[in-house]
N, C-alpha and C. Protein backbone atom coordinates (compact mmCIF):
# COMPACT_ATOMS: atom_id res chain seq x y z
N MET A 1 -19.73 -12.38 -4.73
CA MET A 1 -18.31 -12.41 -4.95
C MET A 1 -17.75 -10.99 -5.01
N ASN A 2 -16.63 -10.77 -4.32
CA ASN A 2 -16.03 -9.44 -4.30
C ASN A 2 -15.24 -9.17 -5.57
N THR A 3 -15.26 -7.92 -5.99
CA THR A 3 -14.42 -7.47 -7.09
C THR A 3 -13.30 -6.66 -6.47
N PHE A 4 -12.08 -6.93 -6.92
CA PHE A 4 -10.92 -6.22 -6.39
C PHE A 4 -10.31 -5.33 -7.46
N VAL A 5 -9.76 -4.20 -7.01
CA VAL A 5 -9.15 -3.24 -7.92
C VAL A 5 -7.76 -2.88 -7.42
N LYS A 6 -6.91 -2.49 -8.36
CA LYS A 6 -5.56 -2.05 -8.02
C LYS A 6 -5.61 -0.58 -7.66
N VAL A 7 -5.06 -0.22 -6.49
CA VAL A 7 -5.07 1.18 -6.06
C VAL A 7 -3.67 1.79 -6.03
N GLY A 8 -2.67 0.99 -6.36
CA GLY A 8 -1.31 1.51 -6.40
C GLY A 8 -0.35 0.47 -6.92
N LYS A 9 0.79 0.95 -7.44
CA LYS A 9 1.89 0.08 -7.88
C LYS A 9 3.16 0.60 -7.22
N PHE A 10 3.98 -0.32 -6.72
CA PHE A 10 5.16 0.07 -5.97
C PHE A 10 6.39 -0.65 -6.50
N ALA A 11 7.53 0.05 -6.46
CA ALA A 11 8.76 -0.49 -7.02
C ALA A 11 9.40 -1.56 -6.15
N SER A 12 9.09 -1.56 -4.86
CA SER A 12 9.73 -2.54 -3.98
C SER A 12 8.69 -3.18 -3.06
N LEU A 13 9.00 -4.38 -2.60
CA LEU A 13 8.12 -5.08 -1.68
C LEU A 13 7.92 -4.30 -0.38
N PRO A 14 8.98 -3.74 0.23
CA PRO A 14 8.75 -2.96 1.46
C PRO A 14 7.79 -1.78 1.25
N ASP A 15 7.91 -1.08 0.13
CA ASP A 15 7.00 0.04 -0.14
C ASP A 15 5.56 -0.45 -0.28
N ALA A 16 5.37 -1.57 -0.96
CA ALA A 16 4.03 -2.14 -1.11
C ALA A 16 3.47 -2.58 0.24
N GLN A 17 4.31 -3.16 1.08
CA GLN A 17 3.86 -3.60 2.40
C GLN A 17 3.49 -2.41 3.28
N ILE A 18 4.22 -1.32 3.17
CA ILE A 18 3.88 -0.10 3.92
C ILE A 18 2.52 0.42 3.47
N ALA A 19 2.26 0.40 2.16
CA ALA A 19 0.96 0.85 1.65
C ALA A 19 -0.16 -0.02 2.20
N VAL A 20 0.04 -1.33 2.22
CA VAL A 20 -0.97 -2.23 2.78
C VAL A 20 -1.19 -1.90 4.25
N GLY A 21 -0.13 -1.65 4.99
CA GLY A 21 -0.24 -1.30 6.40
C GLY A 21 -1.00 -0.01 6.62
N ARG A 22 -0.75 1.00 5.79
CA ARG A 22 -1.47 2.26 5.90
C ARG A 22 -2.96 2.06 5.68
N LEU A 23 -3.30 1.28 4.67
CA LEU A 23 -4.71 1.04 4.37
C LEU A 23 -5.38 0.26 5.49
N GLU A 24 -4.72 -0.78 5.97
CA GLU A 24 -5.31 -1.59 7.02
C GLU A 24 -5.44 -0.81 8.33
N ALA A 25 -4.52 0.13 8.58
CA ALA A 25 -4.63 0.98 9.77
C ALA A 25 -5.88 1.86 9.70
N GLU A 26 -6.33 2.14 8.48
CA GLU A 26 -7.54 2.95 8.27
C GLU A 26 -8.79 2.09 8.12
N GLY A 27 -8.64 0.78 8.32
CA GLY A 27 -9.79 -0.12 8.27
C GLY A 27 -10.12 -0.68 6.90
N ILE A 28 -9.21 -0.54 5.94
CA ILE A 28 -9.43 -1.06 4.59
C ILE A 28 -8.53 -2.28 4.39
N ARG A 29 -9.16 -3.41 4.19
CA ARG A 29 -8.39 -4.64 3.96
C ARG A 29 -7.73 -4.56 2.59
N ALA A 30 -6.42 -4.79 2.56
CA ALA A 30 -5.65 -4.71 1.32
C ALA A 30 -4.74 -5.92 1.22
N PHE A 31 -4.31 -6.22 0.00
CA PHE A 31 -3.41 -7.36 -0.16
C PHE A 31 -2.55 -7.19 -1.40
N LEU A 32 -1.48 -7.99 -1.43
CA LEU A 32 -0.57 -8.04 -2.57
C LEU A 32 -0.86 -9.34 -3.31
N PRO A 33 -1.33 -9.27 -4.55
CA PRO A 33 -1.56 -10.52 -5.28
C PRO A 33 -0.23 -11.22 -5.52
N ASN A 34 -0.23 -12.51 -5.44
CA ASN A 34 0.99 -13.30 -5.66
C ASN A 34 2.11 -12.91 -4.71
N ALA A 35 1.79 -12.62 -3.46
CA ALA A 35 2.79 -12.16 -2.49
C ALA A 35 3.93 -13.16 -2.34
N ASN A 36 3.63 -14.45 -2.33
CA ASN A 36 4.69 -15.45 -2.19
C ASN A 36 5.61 -15.44 -3.40
N LEU A 37 5.06 -15.29 -4.58
CA LEU A 37 5.87 -15.24 -5.78
C LEU A 37 6.75 -13.99 -5.80
N ILE A 38 6.21 -12.88 -5.34
CA ILE A 38 6.97 -11.63 -5.28
C ILE A 38 8.18 -11.79 -4.36
N GLN A 39 7.99 -12.47 -3.23
CA GLN A 39 9.09 -12.68 -2.29
C GLN A 39 10.13 -13.64 -2.86
N THR A 40 9.69 -14.62 -3.64
CA THR A 40 10.59 -15.61 -4.22
C THR A 40 11.39 -15.03 -5.38
N LEU A 41 10.76 -14.18 -6.18
CA LEU A 41 11.38 -13.63 -7.38
C LEU A 41 11.36 -12.10 -7.34
N PRO A 42 12.04 -11.49 -6.37
CA PRO A 42 11.97 -10.02 -6.27
C PRO A 42 12.52 -9.35 -7.52
N GLY A 43 11.81 -8.34 -7.98
CA GLY A 43 12.25 -7.55 -9.13
C GLY A 43 11.92 -8.15 -10.48
N VAL A 44 11.49 -9.39 -10.52
CA VAL A 44 11.22 -10.05 -11.79
C VAL A 44 9.85 -9.65 -12.34
N LEU A 45 8.89 -9.43 -11.48
CA LEU A 45 7.52 -9.20 -11.90
C LEU A 45 7.18 -7.74 -12.17
N GLY A 46 8.13 -6.83 -12.00
CA GLY A 46 7.85 -5.42 -12.22
C GLY A 46 7.18 -4.78 -11.03
N PRO A 47 6.48 -3.66 -11.24
CA PRO A 47 5.83 -2.97 -10.13
C PRO A 47 4.86 -3.90 -9.38
N ILE A 48 4.82 -3.73 -8.07
CA ILE A 48 4.01 -4.58 -7.21
C ILE A 48 2.67 -3.88 -6.96
N PRO A 49 1.56 -4.52 -7.37
CA PRO A 49 0.25 -3.89 -7.17
C PRO A 49 -0.28 -4.11 -5.75
N VAL A 50 -1.06 -3.15 -5.28
CA VAL A 50 -1.80 -3.27 -4.03
C VAL A 50 -3.27 -3.28 -4.41
N MET A 51 -4.00 -4.27 -3.89
CA MET A 51 -5.40 -4.47 -4.26
C MET A 51 -6.32 -4.26 -3.06
N VAL A 52 -7.52 -3.73 -3.33
CA VAL A 52 -8.57 -3.59 -2.31
C VAL A 52 -9.91 -3.94 -2.96
N ALA A 53 -10.91 -4.17 -2.13
CA ALA A 53 -12.27 -4.38 -2.65
C ALA A 53 -12.72 -3.11 -3.37
N ALA A 54 -13.44 -3.29 -4.47
CA ALA A 54 -13.85 -2.16 -5.31
C ALA A 54 -14.60 -1.09 -4.54
N GLU A 55 -15.39 -1.48 -3.54
CA GLU A 55 -16.16 -0.47 -2.81
C GLU A 55 -15.29 0.45 -1.95
N HIS A 56 -14.04 0.09 -1.75
CA HIS A 56 -13.12 0.92 -0.96
C HIS A 56 -12.10 1.66 -1.82
N GLU A 57 -12.26 1.58 -3.13
CA GLU A 57 -11.26 2.16 -4.04
C GLU A 57 -11.00 3.64 -3.80
N SER A 58 -12.02 4.46 -3.76
CA SER A 58 -11.78 5.91 -3.64
C SER A 58 -11.14 6.26 -2.30
N ALA A 59 -11.59 5.64 -1.21
CA ALA A 59 -11.00 5.90 0.10
C ALA A 59 -9.55 5.44 0.13
N ALA A 60 -9.28 4.29 -0.46
CA ALA A 60 -7.91 3.76 -0.47
C ALA A 60 -6.98 4.67 -1.26
N ARG A 61 -7.43 5.13 -2.40
CA ARG A 61 -6.59 6.04 -3.21
C ARG A 61 -6.31 7.34 -2.45
N ARG A 62 -7.33 7.85 -1.77
CA ARG A 62 -7.16 9.09 -0.99
C ARG A 62 -6.11 8.88 0.12
N ILE A 63 -6.17 7.74 0.79
CA ILE A 63 -5.22 7.44 1.86
C ILE A 63 -3.80 7.34 1.29
N LEU A 64 -3.64 6.63 0.19
CA LEU A 64 -2.31 6.45 -0.38
C LEU A 64 -1.75 7.74 -0.98
N GLU A 65 -2.61 8.66 -1.38
CA GLU A 65 -2.16 9.93 -1.94
C GLU A 65 -1.80 10.95 -0.87
N THR A 66 -2.20 10.70 0.37
CA THR A 66 -1.93 11.64 1.46
C THR A 66 -0.47 11.54 1.86
N ASP A 67 0.21 12.69 1.87
CA ASP A 67 1.63 12.76 2.23
C ASP A 67 1.75 13.31 3.65
N TYR A 68 2.23 12.48 4.55
CA TYR A 68 2.37 12.88 5.94
C TYR A 68 3.79 13.34 6.28
N SER A 69 4.67 13.43 5.30
CA SER A 69 6.06 13.75 5.59
C SER A 69 6.23 15.13 6.23
N SER A 70 5.36 16.09 5.88
CA SER A 70 5.49 17.42 6.47
C SER A 70 5.17 17.39 7.97
N ASP A 71 4.42 16.40 8.41
CA ASP A 71 4.13 16.26 9.84
C ASP A 71 5.38 15.91 10.63
N LEU A 72 6.37 15.35 9.96
CA LEU A 72 7.59 14.91 10.64
C LEU A 72 8.71 15.93 10.57
N GLU A 73 8.68 16.82 9.60
CA GLU A 73 9.75 17.79 9.42
C GLU A 73 9.82 18.76 10.59
N GLY A 74 11.02 18.99 11.07
CA GLY A 74 11.22 19.95 12.14
C GLY A 74 10.88 19.47 13.51
N ASP A 75 10.50 18.22 13.64
CA ASP A 75 10.16 17.66 14.95
C ASP A 75 11.43 17.12 15.58
N ASP A 76 12.10 17.95 16.37
CA ASP A 76 13.38 17.57 16.97
C ASP A 76 13.24 17.01 18.37
N GLU A 77 12.02 16.85 18.85
CA GLU A 77 11.81 16.32 20.20
C GLU A 77 12.19 14.87 20.25
N THR A 78 12.71 14.46 21.39
CA THR A 78 13.02 13.05 21.61
C THR A 78 12.07 12.49 22.65
N THR A 79 11.85 11.19 22.57
CA THR A 79 10.93 10.56 23.52
C THR A 79 11.65 9.89 24.63
């Protein structure tokens, strides 16, 4: 049986979903516990946790702590 740990808490559902997407893009399966309840009662449950399997905890935290915003600053090129 897998053990799951919380690797982040987010103020909004979109922010939590972005975190899940970042983790999954790096090959770490992540999920929002009670996702259906969160969508039904937004803001009622407080911060939204993101969960991963315990063996991926350190990698997941490292990914979520990485700030890529400086990679975007000053990029005025258009596609």
